[in-house]
Amino acid sequence: MDIQTRKIEFVQAFLKLQSEELISLFENILNSETKEDLKPMTIEELNSRIDQSEKDFKNGGFKTHEEVFEKYN
């Protein structure tokens, strides 16, 4: 599937949304992606994020996909 077809399908699905919370989430994602000066992470930044993620996981700092789905469905 090409990018144009994916965009059209996404917009059609977006227009059917009834959840104001979910629409806000998409707005936030779009705004954060378009406003930030995106640049690749350094290896050190990547390794630091991986280390932090592993710590969070070990300490129970995560949500299951079921919990996330319940929140946004």
N, C-alpha and C. Protein backbone atom coordinates (compact mmCIF):
# COMPACT_ATOMS: atom_id res chain seq x y z
N MET A 1 0.85 -1.18 0.00
CA MET A 1 0.00 0.00 0.00
C MET A 1 0.90 1.24 0.00
N ASP A 2 0.63 2.17 -0.89
CA ASP A 2 1.46 3.36 -0.98
C ASP A 2 1.06 4.38 0.09
N ILE A 3 1.89 5.39 0.27
CA ILE A 3 1.71 6.39 1.33
C ILE A 3 0.42 7.18 1.14
N GLN A 4 0.07 7.52 -0.09
CA GLN A 4 -1.16 8.29 -0.34
C GLN A 4 -2.39 7.50 0.08
N THR A 5 -2.43 6.23 -0.24
CA THR A 5 -3.55 5.38 0.14
C THR A 5 -3.64 5.26 1.65
N ARG A 6 -2.50 5.11 2.30
CA ARG A 6 -2.48 5.03 3.77
C ARG A 6 -3.01 6.30 4.40
N LYS A 7 -2.61 7.45 3.85
CA LYS A 7 -3.08 8.74 4.38
C LYS A 7 -4.60 8.86 4.24
N ILE A 8 -5.10 8.51 3.08
CA ILE A 8 -6.55 8.60 2.84
C ILE A 8 -7.31 7.69 3.80
N GLU A 9 -6.83 6.47 3.97
CA GLU A 9 -7.49 5.54 4.89
C GLU A 9 -7.43 6.03 6.33
N PHE A 10 -6.30 6.63 6.70
CA PHE A 10 -6.15 7.18 8.05
C PHE A 10 -7.14 8.32 8.27
N VAL A 11 -7.23 9.23 7.32
CA VAL A 11 -8.14 10.37 7.45
C VAL A 11 -9.59 9.89 7.52
N GLN A 12 -9.94 8.92 6.71
CA GLN A 12 -11.30 8.39 6.75
C GLN A 12 -11.61 7.78 8.12
N ALA A 13 -10.67 7.03 8.67
CA ALA A 13 -10.87 6.44 9.99
C ALA A 13 -10.93 7.53 11.06
N PHE A 14 -10.08 8.55 10.93
CA PHE A 14 -10.06 9.65 11.88
C PHE A 14 -11.40 10.38 11.90
N LEU A 15 -11.98 10.61 10.73
CA LEU A 15 -13.25 11.33 10.65
C LEU A 15 -14.40 10.56 11.31
N LYS A 16 -14.25 9.26 11.48
CA LYS A 16 -15.29 8.45 12.12
C LYS A 16 -15.15 8.43 13.64
N LEU A 17 -14.03 8.93 14.17
CA LEU A 17 -13.82 8.89 15.63
C LEU A 17 -14.87 9.71 16.36
N GLN A 18 -15.31 9.19 17.50
CA GLN A 18 -16.28 9.89 18.33
C GLN A 18 -15.68 10.27 19.68
N SER A 19 -14.50 9.76 20.00
CA SER A 19 -13.87 9.99 21.29
C SER A 19 -13.06 11.28 21.26
N GLU A 20 -13.49 12.26 22.06
CA GLU A 20 -12.77 13.52 22.13
C GLU A 20 -11.36 13.31 22.69
N GLU A 21 -11.24 12.36 23.62
CA GLU A 21 -9.94 12.05 24.22
C GLU A 21 -8.98 11.50 23.18
N LEU A 22 -9.46 10.64 22.34
CA LEU A 22 -8.62 10.05 21.30
C LEU A 22 -8.24 11.09 20.25
N ILE A 23 -9.15 11.97 19.90
CA ILE A 23 -8.84 13.04 18.96
C ILE A 23 -7.77 13.95 19.55
N SER A 24 -7.88 14.26 20.85
CA SER A 24 -6.86 15.09 21.51
C SER A 24 -5.50 14.41 21.47
N LEU A 25 -5.49 13.09 21.67
CA LEU A 25 -4.24 12.35 21.63
C LEU A 25 -3.58 12.49 20.25
N PHE A 26 -4.36 12.32 19.19
CA PHE A 26 -3.83 12.47 17.83
C PHE A 26 -3.35 13.90 17.59
N GLU A 27 -4.09 14.89 18.09
CA GLU A 27 -3.66 16.28 17.94
C GLU A 27 -2.31 16.51 18.62
N ASN A 28 -2.17 15.97 19.83
CA ASN A 28 -0.91 16.12 20.56
C ASN A 28 0.25 15.46 19.83
N ILE A 29 0.00 14.28 19.29
CA ILE A 29 1.05 13.58 18.54
C ILE A 29 1.45 14.40 17.32
N LEU A 30 0.47 14.87 16.58
CA LEU A 30 0.76 15.65 15.38
C LEU A 30 1.50 16.93 15.72
N ASN A 31 1.06 17.63 16.76
CA ASN A 31 1.71 18.88 17.16
C ASN A 31 3.14 18.64 17.63
N SER A 32 3.36 17.61 18.38
CA SER A 32 4.71 17.36 18.89
C SER A 32 5.66 16.96 17.76
N GLU A 33 5.16 16.25 16.78
CA GLU A 33 6.00 15.81 15.67
C GLU A 33 6.30 16.94 14.70
N THR A 34 5.40 17.88 14.55
CA THR A 34 5.61 18.94 13.58
C THR A 34 6.32 20.14 14.17
N LYS A 35 6.32 20.30 15.49
CA LYS A 35 6.94 21.46 16.12
C LYS A 35 8.38 21.22 16.54
N GLU A 36 8.71 19.98 16.83
CA GLU A 36 10.06 19.68 17.30
C GLU A 36 11.05 19.65 16.15
N ASP A 37 12.26 20.07 16.46
CA ASP A 37 13.33 19.93 15.50
C ASP A 37 13.85 18.51 15.65
N LEU A 38 13.37 17.62 14.81
CA LEU A 38 13.71 16.21 14.95
C LEU A 38 15.14 15.95 14.49
N LYS A 39 15.88 15.26 15.33
CA LYS A 39 17.24 14.89 14.97
C LYS A 39 17.49 13.49 15.53
N PRO A 40 18.37 12.75 14.90
CA PRO A 40 18.65 11.39 15.38
C PRO A 40 19.29 11.42 16.76
N MET A 41 19.01 10.38 17.54
CA MET A 41 19.64 10.24 18.86
C MET A 41 21.07 9.78 18.69
N THR A 42 21.89 10.18 19.63
CA THR A 42 23.24 9.64 19.66
C THR A 42 23.17 8.23 20.26
N ILE A 43 24.22 7.48 20.10
CA ILE A 43 24.28 6.14 20.70
C ILE A 43 24.15 6.25 22.22
N GLU A 44 24.77 7.28 22.80
CA GLU A 44 24.70 7.46 24.25
C GLU A 44 23.27 7.74 24.70
N GLU A 45 22.54 8.59 23.95
CA GLU A 45 21.14 8.89 24.29
C GLU A 45 20.28 7.64 24.17
N LEU A 46 20.50 6.88 23.12
CA LEU A 46 19.74 5.65 22.91
C LEU A 46 20.00 4.67 24.05
N ASN A 47 21.26 4.46 24.39
CA ASN A 47 21.59 3.54 25.48
C ASN A 47 21.03 4.01 26.81
N SER A 48 21.02 5.31 27.04
CA SER A 48 20.46 5.87 28.27
C SER A 48 18.96 5.61 28.34
N ARG A 49 18.26 5.78 27.23
CA ARG A 49 16.82 5.50 27.20
C ARG A 49 16.54 4.02 27.41
N ILE A 50 17.34 3.18 26.83
CA ILE A 50 17.18 1.73 27.01
C ILE A 50 17.38 1.37 28.49
N ASP A 51 18.44 1.90 29.10
CA ASP A 51 18.70 1.63 30.52
C ASP A 51 17.54 2.09 31.38
N GLN A 52 17.02 3.29 31.12
CA GLN A 52 15.90 3.82 31.90
C GLN A 52 14.65 2.96 31.70
N SER A 53 14.40 2.54 30.48
CA SER A 53 13.24 1.69 30.20
C SER A 53 13.34 0.36 30.93
N GLU A 54 14.52 -0.22 30.95
CA GLU A 54 14.70 -1.48 31.66
C GLU A 54 14.49 -1.32 33.16
N LYS A 55 14.97 -0.19 33.72
CA LYS A 55 14.74 0.10 35.14
C LYS A 55 13.26 0.25 35.42
N ASP A 56 12.58 1.02 34.58
CA ASP A 56 11.14 1.23 34.75
C ASP A 56 10.39 -0.10 34.72
N PHE A 57 10.74 -0.95 33.79
CA PHE A 57 10.07 -2.24 33.67
C PHE A 57 10.29 -3.09 34.92
N LYS A 58 11.53 -3.16 35.40
CA LYS A 58 11.84 -3.94 36.60
C LYS A 58 11.09 -3.42 37.82
N ASN A 59 10.86 -2.10 37.86
CA ASN A 59 10.17 -1.49 39.00
C ASN A 59 8.66 -1.39 38.80
N GLY A 60 8.14 -2.03 37.76
CA GLY A 60 6.70 -2.04 37.53
C GLY A 60 6.17 -0.76 36.88
N GLY A 61 7.05 0.05 36.34
CA GLY A 61 6.65 1.32 35.72
C GLY A 61 6.24 1.15 34.28
N PHE A 62 5.18 0.41 34.04
CA PHE A 62 4.69 0.21 32.68
C PHE A 62 3.21 -0.09 32.73
N LYS A 63 2.55 -0.01 31.59
CA LYS A 63 1.15 -0.38 31.46
C LYS A 63 1.07 -1.49 30.42
N THR A 64 0.15 -2.40 30.65
CA THR A 64 -0.05 -3.46 29.67
C THR A 64 -0.80 -2.89 28.48
N HIS A 65 -0.77 -3.61 27.36
CA HIS A 65 -1.51 -3.11 26.20
C HIS A 65 -3.00 -3.12 26.48
N GLU A 66 -3.48 -4.02 27.35
CA GLU A 66 -4.89 -4.04 27.72
C GLU A 66 -5.27 -2.75 28.45
N GLU A 67 -4.40 -2.29 29.36
CA GLU A 67 -4.67 -1.06 30.11
C GLU A 67 -4.72 0.16 29.17
N VAL A 68 -3.79 0.21 28.24
CA VAL A 68 -3.77 1.32 27.30
C VAL A 68 -5.00 1.27 26.40
N PHE A 69 -5.35 0.09 25.93
CA PHE A 69 -6.50 -0.08 25.06
C PHE A 69 -7.78 0.35 25.78
N GLU A 70 -7.92 -0.04 27.06
CA GLU A 70 -9.12 0.35 27.82
C GLU A 70 -9.21 1.86 27.96
N LYS A 71 -8.09 2.51 28.14
CA LYS A 71 -8.09 3.97 28.31
C LYS A 71 -8.53 4.68 27.05
N TYR A 72 -8.12 4.21 25.90
CA TYR A 72 -8.38 4.91 24.64
C TYR A 72 -9.46 4.28 23.78
N ASN A 73 -10.17 3.33 24.31
CA ASN A 73 -11.24 2.72 23.53
C ASN A 73 -12.58 3.16 24.01
